Amino acid sequence: MGCATSPSQPKLLYHYLDLNDDGVQEEFVAELDLCGTGGCEWRILNKQNSQFLGAVFGKQVSIRILTVKKQGYYRLRTYHKMGAFDGVVVEYEFHGKEYEEVFSKDISSEEYLKYFK
């Protein structure tokens, strides 16, 4: 994770994961001022050509790469809080040009470890 800041520009958070086994980590970027207690919107960019690969929502620590691949990119899982004791687990698949949501389930805090070990 990184955080870049300057007086005239928004504070950005960064997260890096290799989503397609090419040896280059894709860049996840979130604007800190737009993050809330539930999480952030993470824009995914290909670092080699700056191509937009989609956006996912969730807490940074919850972004997971799953073993399933579609069109060369791994499926992603995220989690964001909806209240003190519940949240939502969401999965995204790559569909040609960008990641799209393909699964969503409301879960309790007790169920969290079932999805994020």
C-alpha atoms as a PDB file:
ATOM      1  CA  MET A   1       0.000   0.000   0.000  1.00  0.00           C
ATOM      2  CA  GLY A   2       1.137   3.507  -0.656  1.00  0.00           C
ATOM      3  CA  CYS A   3      -0.265   6.979  -0.208  1.00  0.00           C
ATOM      4  CA  ALA A   4       0.679   9.939  -2.392  1.00  0.00           C
ATOM      5  CA  THR A   5      -0.219  13.467  -1.363  1.00  0.00           C
ATOM      6  CA  SER A   6       0.296  17.058  -2.411  1.00  0.00           C
ATOM      7  CA  PRO A   7      -1.537  20.253  -1.405  1.00  0.00           C
ATOM      8  CA  SER A   8      -3.385  20.653  -4.727  1.00  0.00           C
ATOM      9  CA  GLN A   9      -4.021  17.010  -5.569  1.00  0.00           C
ATOM     10  CA  PRO A  10      -6.187  14.354  -3.914  1.00  0.00           C
ATOM     11  CA  LYS A  11      -4.592  11.810  -1.606  1.00  0.00           C
ATOM     12  CA  LEU A  12      -4.385   8.478  -3.378  1.00  0.00           C
ATOM     13  CA  LEU A  13      -4.049   4.966  -1.993  1.00  0.00           C
ATOM     14  CA  TYR A  14      -2.291   2.292  -4.053  1.00  0.00           C
ATOM     15  CA  HIS A  15      -2.439  -1.497  -4.005  1.00  0.00           C
ATOM     16  CA  TYR A  16      -0.648  -3.841  -6.436  1.00  0.00           C
ATOM     17  CA  LEU A  17      -1.544  -7.370  -7.579  1.00  0.00           C
ATOM     18  CA  ASP A  18      -0.585  -9.392 -10.678  1.00  0.00           C
ATOM     19  CA  LEU A  19      -3.993 -10.316 -12.086  1.00  0.00           C
ATOM     20  CA  ASN A  20      -2.923 -12.145 -15.249  1.00  0.00           C
ATOM     21  CA  ASP A  21       0.402 -13.888 -14.465  1.00  0.00           C
ATOM     22  CA  ASP A  22       2.424 -11.634 -16.781  1.00  0.00           C
ATOM     23  CA  GLY A  23       4.892 -10.770 -14.005  1.00  0.00           C
ATOM     24  CA  VAL A  24       3.679  -7.153 -13.839  1.00  0.00           C
ATOM     25  CA  GLN A  25       1.424  -6.080 -11.011  1.00  0.00           C
ATOM     26  CA  GLU A  26      -1.739  -4.217 -11.934  1.00  0.00           C
ATOM     27  CA  GLU A  27      -2.302  -0.991  -9.996  1.00  0.00           C
ATOM     28  CA  PHE A  28      -5.349  -0.451  -7.785  1.00  0.00           C
ATOM     29  CA  VAL A  29      -5.912   3.260  -7.057  1.00  0.00           C
ATOM     30  CA  ALA A  30      -8.407   4.801  -4.608  1.00  0.00           C
ATOM     31  CA  GLU A  31      -8.982   8.430  -3.714  1.00  0.00           C
ATOM     32  CA  LEU A  32      -8.684   8.614   0.078  1.00  0.00           C
ATOM     33  CA  ASP A  33     -11.249  11.415   0.460  1.00  0.00           C
ATOM     34  CA  LEU A  34     -13.874   9.215  -1.224  1.00  0.00           C
ATOM     35  CA  CYS A  35     -13.283   6.221   1.058  1.00  0.00           C
ATOM     36  CA  GLY A  36     -15.680   5.568   3.900  1.00  0.00           C
ATOM     37  CA  THR A  37     -15.943   3.160   6.801  1.00  0.00           C
ATOM     38  CA  GLY A  38     -17.256   0.513   4.404  1.00  0.00           C
ATOM     39  CA  GLY A  39     -14.340   0.700   2.005  1.00  0.00           C
ATOM     40  CA  CYS A  40     -13.091   2.428  -1.148  1.00  0.00           C
ATOM     41  CA  GLU A  41     -13.699   2.287  -4.866  1.00  0.00           C
ATOM     42  CA  TRP A  42     -10.495   0.858  -6.360  1.00  0.00           C
ATOM     43  CA  ARG A  43      -9.848   1.647 -10.025  1.00  0.00           C
ATOM     44  CA  ILE A  44      -7.725  -1.063 -11.638  1.00  0.00           C
ATOM     45  CA  LEU A  45      -5.106  -0.034 -14.194  1.00  0.00           C
ATOM     46  CA  ASN A  46      -2.706  -2.029 -16.333  1.00  0.00           C
ATOM     47  CA  LYS A  47       0.662  -0.480 -15.431  1.00  0.00           C
ATOM     48  CA  GLN A  48       2.220  -1.247 -18.825  1.00  0.00           C
ATOM     49  CA  ASN A  49      -0.277   0.720 -20.941  1.00  0.00           C
ATOM     50  CA  SER A  50      -2.518   2.538 -18.376  1.00  0.00           C
ATOM     51  CA  GLN A  51      -5.563   0.621 -19.669  1.00  0.00           C
ATOM     52  CA  PHE A  52      -8.571   0.853 -17.334  1.00  0.00           C
ATOM     53  CA  LEU A  53      -9.511  -2.686 -16.260  1.00  0.00           C
ATOM     54  CA  GLY A  54     -12.535  -1.843 -14.129  1.00  0.00           C
ATOM     55  CA  ALA A  55     -13.346  -0.862 -10.569  1.00  0.00           C
ATOM     56  CA  VAL A  56     -14.073  -2.852  -7.438  1.00  0.00           C
ATOM     57  CA  PHE A  57     -15.383  -1.717  -4.077  1.00  0.00           C
ATOM     58  CA  GLY A  58     -14.130  -2.897  -0.713  1.00  0.00           C
ATOM     59  CA  LYS A  59     -11.614  -2.627   2.060  1.00  0.00           C
ATOM     60  CA  GLN A  60      -8.019  -2.812   0.849  1.00  0.00           C
ATOM     61  CA  VAL A  61      -7.150  -5.694   3.155  1.00  0.00           C
ATOM     62  CA  SER A  62     -10.030  -7.718   1.712  1.00  0.00           C
ATOM     63  CA  ILE A  63      -9.043  -7.675  -1.978  1.00  0.00           C
ATOM     64  CA  ARG A  64      -8.319 -11.303  -2.857  1.00  0.00           C
ATOM     65  CA  ILE A  65      -7.284 -13.072  -6.049  1.00  0.00           C
ATOM     66  CA  LEU A  66      -9.172 -16.343  -6.536  1.00  0.00           C
ATOM     67  CA  THR A  67      -7.869 -19.358  -8.474  1.00  0.00           C
ATOM     68  CA  VAL A  68     -10.475 -19.083 -11.260  1.00  0.00           C
ATOM     69  CA  LYS A  69      -9.451 -17.209 -14.428  1.00  0.00           C
ATOM     70  CA  LYS A  70     -11.622 -15.735 -17.172  1.00  0.00           C
ATOM     71  CA  GLN A  71     -10.160 -14.322 -20.383  1.00  0.00           C
ATOM     72  CA  GLY A  72      -6.678 -14.426 -18.870  1.00  0.00           C
ATOM     73  CA  TYR A  73      -7.453 -12.546 -15.636  1.00  0.00           C
ATOM     74  CA  TYR A  74      -8.106 -13.937 -12.170  1.00  0.00           C
ATOM     75  CA  ARG A  75     -11.467 -13.570 -10.468  1.00  0.00           C
ATOM     76  CA  LEU A  76     -11.411 -11.085  -7.559  1.00  0.00           C
ATOM     77  CA  ARG A  77     -13.216 -11.106  -4.202  1.00  0.00           C
ATOM     78  CA  THR A  78     -13.756  -8.071  -1.962  1.00  0.00           C
ATOM     79  CA  TYR A  79     -15.595  -7.244   1.244  1.00  0.00           C
ATOM     80  CA  HIS A  80     -17.143  -4.031   2.479  1.00  0.00           C
ATOM     81  CA  LYS A  81     -18.956  -3.261   5.700  1.00  0.00           C
ATOM     82  CA  MET A  82     -22.605  -2.293   5.730  1.00  0.00           C
ATOM     83  CA  GLY A  83     -22.983  -1.908   9.480  1.00  0.00           C
ATOM     84  CA  ALA A  84     -21.359  -2.803  12.770  1.00  0.00           C
ATOM     85  CA  PHE A  85     -22.016  -6.529  12.419  1.00  0.00           C
ATOM     86  CA  ASP A  86     -22.604  -7.190   8.735  1.00  0.00           C
ATOM     87  CA  GLY A  87     -21.174  -6.600   5.313  1.00  0.00           C
ATOM     88  CA  VAL A  88     -21.149  -7.733   1.706  1.00  0.00           C
ATOM     89  CA  VAL A  89     -18.810 -10.121  -0.079  1.00  0.00           C
ATOM     90  CA  VAL A  90     -18.554  -9.407  -3.823  1.00  0.00           C
ATOM     91  CA  GLU A  91     -16.810 -11.270  -6.629  1.00  0.00           C
ATOM     92  CA  TYR A  92     -15.730  -9.801  -9.966  1.00  0.00           C
ATOM     93  CA  GLU A  93     -14.731 -11.433 -13.264  1.00  0.00           C
ATOM     94  CA  PHE A  94     -12.938  -9.959 -16.241  1.00  0.00           C
ATOM     95  CA  HIS A  95     -15.290  -9.708 -19.235  1.00  0.00           C
ATOM     96  CA  GLY A  96     -13.258  -8.677 -22.261  1.00  0.00           C
ATOM     97  CA  LYS A  97     -12.548  -5.064 -21.388  1.00  0.00           C
ATOM     98  CA  GLU A  98     -13.066  -4.757 -17.645  1.00  0.00           C
ATOM     99  CA  TYR A  99     -14.011  -6.442 -14.401  1.00  0.00           C
ATOM    100  CA  GLU A 100     -17.737  -6.820 -13.678  1.00  0.00           C
ATOM    101  CA  GLU A 101     -19.582  -7.925 -10.553  1.00  0.00           C
ATOM    102  CA  VAL A 102     -20.763 -11.542 -10.838  1.00  0.00           C
ATOM    103  CA  PHE A 103     -21.609 -12.465  -7.233  1.00  0.00           C
ATOM    104  CA  SER A 104     -22.751 -10.595  -4.143  1.00  0.00           C
ATOM    105  CA  LYS A 105     -23.889 -11.865  -0.742  1.00  0.00           C
ATOM    106  CA  ASP A 106     -24.760 -10.147   2.531  1.00  0.00           C
ATOM    107  CA  ILE A 107     -22.855 -11.816   5.364  1.00  0.00           C
ATOM    108  CA  SER A 108     -22.506 -11.452   9.110  1.00  0.00           C
ATOM    109  CA  SER A 109     -19.168 -10.765  10.788  1.00  0.00           C
ATOM    110  CA  GLU A 110     -19.070 -14.416  11.861  1.00  0.00           C
ATOM    111  CA  GLU A 111     -19.221 -15.537   8.214  1.00  0.00           C
ATOM    112  CA  TYR A 112     -16.301 -13.309   7.167  1.00  0.00           C
ATOM    113  CA  LEU A 113     -13.650 -15.996   7.739  1.00  0.00           C
ATOM    114  CA  LYS A 114     -15.553 -18.404   5.485  1.00  0.00           C
ATOM    115  CA  TYR A 115     -14.659 -16.119   2.562  1.00  0.00           C
ATOM    116  CA  PHE A 116     -11.405 -14.524   3.755  1.00  0.00           C
ATOM    117  CA  LYS A 117      -8.971 -16.936   5.424  1.00  0.00           C
END
